[in-house]
Amino acid sequence: MLNLSHNRIERLEGLKHLDQLVYLDMSSNKLSELDVEASLPGRINILKLNDNPIETEDPEYRKKCVVGLQWLTEMDKIKVVAAERMVYLGLMPASRFNIK
């Protein structure tokens, strides 16, 4: 577990090697962009990025995280369900699930 919330962090780097990390809280920082595959370890289950500029500057940041982190079960206090992941991967129509 790693809590780096409320630290004015602008870039996510140096975490990729933390292959046992399953919980990361980066909420309330200054993140405006994110390269999921280059920056985050793949085993993360819970990711908190809420209250960062990325929420408004990149409307697809949730999709990028859900697709890029196969073990993700919760993001920004919202559960990640199989249907959401399947919609993002193009395996199900979004209209059936109210997912953008």
Protein backbone atom coordinates (compact mmCIF):
# COMPACT_ATOMS: atom_id res chain seq x y z
CA MET A 1 0.00 0.00 0.00
CA LEU A 2 1.22 3.48 -0.84
CA ASN A 3 -0.54 6.73 0.02
CA LEU A 4 0.90 9.80 -1.70
CA SER A 5 -2.25 11.91 -1.58
CA HIS A 6 -2.15 15.68 -0.92
CA ASN A 7 1.47 16.17 -1.99
CA ARG A 8 1.36 18.46 -5.06
CA ILE A 9 2.84 15.69 -7.21
CA GLU A 10 2.78 16.62 -10.90
CA ARG A 11 4.19 13.47 -12.52
CA LEU A 12 3.94 9.79 -11.77
CA GLU A 13 7.29 8.08 -12.13
CA GLY A 14 9.48 5.59 -10.33
CA LEU A 15 6.66 3.26 -9.30
CA LYS A 16 6.71 0.69 -12.12
CA HIS A 17 9.21 -1.54 -10.31
CA LEU A 18 6.95 -1.90 -7.24
CA ASP A 19 5.53 -5.18 -8.50
CA GLN A 20 3.85 -6.06 -5.18
CA LEU A 21 1.95 -2.75 -4.96
CA VAL A 22 -1.82 -3.34 -4.94
CA TYR A 23 -3.14 -0.05 -3.46
CA LEU A 24 -2.08 3.40 -4.64
CA ASP A 25 -3.62 6.66 -3.49
CA MET A 26 -2.49 9.64 -5.58
CA SER A 27 -5.61 11.70 -4.94
CA SER A 28 -5.50 15.46 -4.45
CA ASN A 29 -2.25 16.09 -6.27
CA LYS A 30 -1.46 17.95 -9.49
CA LEU A 31 -1.43 15.08 -12.00
CA SER A 32 -2.58 16.20 -15.43
CA GLU A 33 -1.42 13.23 -17.53
CA LEU A 34 -0.68 9.57 -17.04
CA ASP A 35 1.04 6.86 -19.05
CA VAL A 36 -0.47 3.83 -17.33
CA GLU A 37 1.78 1.16 -18.80
CA ALA A 38 5.00 3.11 -18.27
CA SER A 39 4.18 4.50 -14.82
CA LEU A 40 2.13 1.98 -12.85
CA PRO A 41 2.82 -1.56 -11.69
CA GLY A 42 0.39 -4.04 -13.23
CA ARG A 43 -0.86 -5.62 -9.98
CA ILE A 44 -2.68 -2.56 -8.65
CA ASN A 45 -6.17 -3.45 -7.39
CA ILE A 46 -7.21 -0.08 -5.99
CA LEU A 47 -6.17 3.22 -7.57
CA LYS A 48 -7.19 6.67 -6.42
CA LEU A 49 -6.52 9.54 -8.80
CA ASN A 50 -9.52 11.68 -7.91
CA ASP A 51 -9.09 15.40 -7.29
CA ASN A 52 -6.32 15.77 -9.85
CA PRO A 53 -6.41 17.93 -13.01
CA ILE A 54 -6.36 14.71 -15.09
CA GLU A 55 -10.06 14.25 -14.25
CA THR A 56 -10.99 17.19 -16.46
CA GLU A 57 -7.98 17.35 -18.81
CA ASP A 58 -8.18 13.72 -19.98
CA PRO A 59 -11.76 12.45 -20.20
CA GLU A 60 -10.45 8.96 -21.07
CA TYR A 61 -8.11 8.52 -18.10
CA ARG A 62 -10.42 6.00 -16.39
CA LYS A 63 -10.66 3.94 -19.56
CA LYS A 64 -6.87 3.93 -19.93
CA CYS A 65 -6.45 2.70 -16.35
CA VAL A 66 -9.16 0.03 -16.55
CA VAL A 67 -7.75 -1.35 -19.80
CA GLY A 68 -4.09 -1.04 -18.78
CA LEU A 69 -4.41 -2.53 -15.29
CA GLN A 70 -6.00 -5.96 -15.59
CA TRP A 71 -6.23 -6.50 -11.80
CA LEU A 72 -7.90 -3.14 -11.09
CA THR A 73 -11.10 -3.61 -9.04
CA GLU A 74 -11.68 -0.07 -7.81
CA MET A 75 -10.76 3.35 -9.15
CA ASP A 76 -11.56 6.70 -7.59
CA LYS A 77 -13.92 5.00 -5.11
CA ILE A 78 -15.93 3.40 -7.96
CA LYS A 79 -15.89 -0.36 -8.55
CA VAL A 80 -14.52 -1.64 -11.84
CA VAL A 81 -16.84 -4.34 -13.13
CA ALA A 82 -16.23 -6.85 -15.91
CA ALA A 83 -18.84 -5.22 -18.17
CA GLU A 84 -17.03 -1.87 -18.00
CA ARG A 85 -13.73 -3.46 -18.98
CA MET A 86 -15.40 -5.37 -21.82
CA VAL A 87 -17.00 -2.17 -23.17
CA TYR A 88 -13.64 -0.39 -23.12
CA LEU A 89 -12.06 -3.32 -24.95
CA GLY A 90 -14.80 -3.21 -27.59
CA LEU A 91 -16.22 -6.60 -26.62
CA MET A 92 -19.67 -5.27 -25.60
CA PRO A 93 -21.77 -2.33 -26.75
CA ALA A 94 -21.58 0.66 -24.39
CA SER A 95 -25.25 1.48 -24.87
CA ARG A 96 -26.28 -1.54 -22.76
CA PHE A 97 -24.39 -0.37 -19.68
CA ASN A 98 -24.48 3.43 -19.64
CA ILE A 99 -20.68 3.53 -19.95
CA LYS A 100 -18.97 6.25 -21.95
